[in-house]
């Protein structure tokens, strides 16, 4: 999270009863009173892929994002690729 904040990355918090058993690892969700919610998870996903300027500034971070976060792409339940802030938010709202 600190790295995402320092690089002013636009992220989306996603959660629910499903999780990815790989990088980026999902975290167990917590209720407001601090109790665990069994079977629910959350993780942060990038809304935009890193730019060429980001690559020049911090190549290691861009490499990590590209591998771990599918270069800012997300996938629908039917495995369609959704990429870019507006497309991802439109799909999430729907």
Protein backbone atom coordinates (compact mmCIF):
# COMPACT_ATOMS: atom_id res chain seq x y z
CA UNK A 1 0.00 0.00 0.00
CA UNK A 2 2.81 2.41 0.83
CA UNK A 3 4.39 1.84 -2.57
CA UNK A 4 1.02 2.35 -4.30
CA UNK A 5 0.52 5.61 -2.39
CA UNK A 6 4.03 6.90 -3.15
CA UNK A 7 3.51 6.29 -6.86
CA UNK A 8 -0.03 7.72 -6.81
CA UNK A 9 -1.50 4.56 -8.28
CA UNK A 10 -5.24 4.39 -8.85
CA UNK A 11 -6.43 1.17 -7.21
CA UNK A 12 -9.69 -0.66 -6.72
CA UNK A 13 -10.47 -2.60 -3.55
CA UNK A 14 -12.15 -5.85 -4.55
CA UNK A 15 -13.53 -8.49 -2.26
CA UNK A 16 -15.96 -11.30 -1.80
CA UNK A 17 -16.17 -15.03 -1.24
CA UNK A 18 -13.58 -15.85 -3.90
CA UNK A 19 -9.86 -15.30 -3.84
CA UNK A 20 -6.75 -15.81 -5.92
CA UNK A 21 -4.31 -18.29 -4.37
CA UNK A 22 -1.35 -16.53 -5.94
CA UNK A 23 0.27 -13.13 -6.06
CA UNK A 24 -1.19 -10.69 -5.21
CA UNK A 25 -2.40 -12.57 -2.18
CA UNK A 26 -5.84 -11.77 -0.86
CA UNK A 27 -6.34 -10.88 2.79
CA UNK A 28 -9.03 -12.23 5.12
CA UNK A 29 -11.78 -9.62 5.50
CA UNK A 30 -12.61 -8.07 8.86
CA UNK A 31 -15.91 -6.73 10.13
CA UNK A 32 -16.08 -3.29 11.73
CA UNK A 33 -15.72 -4.77 15.21
CA UNK A 34 -12.55 -6.60 14.15
CA UNK A 35 -13.99 -10.11 13.89
CA UNK A 36 -13.00 -12.20 10.85
CA UNK A 37 -15.57 -12.83 8.14
CA UNK A 38 -15.15 -16.48 7.27
CA UNK A 39 -14.75 -17.16 3.58
CA UNK A 40 -14.50 -13.51 2.48
CA UNK A 41 -11.33 -11.91 1.13
CA UNK A 42 -10.11 -8.59 -0.22
CA UNK A 43 -7.23 -7.31 -2.32
CA UNK A 44 -6.21 -4.15 -4.15
CA UNK A 45 -6.02 -4.10 -7.95
CA UNK A 46 -4.50 -1.43 -10.18
CA UNK A 47 -6.92 0.58 -12.33
CA UNK A 48 -4.24 1.69 -14.79
CA UNK A 49 -1.12 -0.01 -16.04
CA UNK A 50 2.17 1.77 -15.33
CA UNK A 51 3.26 4.31 -17.93
CA UNK A 52 6.59 4.64 -19.71
CA UNK A 53 7.41 7.48 -17.31
CA UNK A 54 6.85 5.06 -14.42
CA UNK A 55 9.16 2.57 -16.11
CA UNK A 56 11.92 5.20 -16.31
CA UNK A 57 11.43 6.23 -12.67
CA UNK A 58 11.16 2.79 -11.09
CA UNK A 59 11.76 -0.17 -13.44
CA UNK A 60 11.66 -2.74 -10.62
CA UNK A 61 8.20 -1.59 -9.48
CA UNK A 62 6.86 -1.65 -13.03
CA UNK A 63 8.22 -5.17 -13.52
CA UNK A 64 6.55 -6.30 -10.29
CA UNK A 65 3.22 -4.73 -11.27
CA UNK A 66 3.36 -6.18 -14.76
CA UNK A 67 3.90 -9.70 -13.42
CA UNK A 68 1.82 -9.62 -10.24
CA UNK A 69 -1.08 -7.47 -11.35
CA UNK A 70 -1.52 -8.52 -14.99
CA UNK A 71 -0.30 -5.13 -16.26
CA UNK A 72 -3.36 -3.41 -14.84
CA UNK A 73 -5.83 -5.75 -16.55
CA UNK A 74 -8.75 -7.46 -14.86
CA UNK A 75 -10.78 -10.37 -16.11
CA UNK A 76 -14.52 -10.95 -16.06
CA UNK A 77 -16.16 -14.19 -14.98
CA UNK A 78 -16.22 -15.27 -18.63
CA UNK A 79 -12.49 -14.41 -18.97
CA UNK A 80 -12.95 -11.28 -21.06
CA UNK A 81 -10.12 -8.78 -20.55
CA UNK A 82 -11.04 -5.42 -19.03
CA UNK A 83 -8.29 -2.81 -19.06
CA UNK A 84 -8.12 0.86 -18.16
CA UNK A 85 -9.70 2.83 -15.35
CA UNK A 86 -12.98 3.71 -17.07
CA UNK A 87 -13.62 0.21 -18.43
CA UNK A 88 -12.85 -1.44 -15.09
CA UNK A 89 -15.03 0.98 -13.11
CA UNK A 90 -17.89 0.65 -15.60
CA UNK A 91 -17.75 -3.14 -15.29
CA UNK A 92 -17.50 -3.00 -11.48
CA UNK A 93 -20.53 -0.67 -11.25
CA UNK A 94 -22.56 -2.92 -13.53
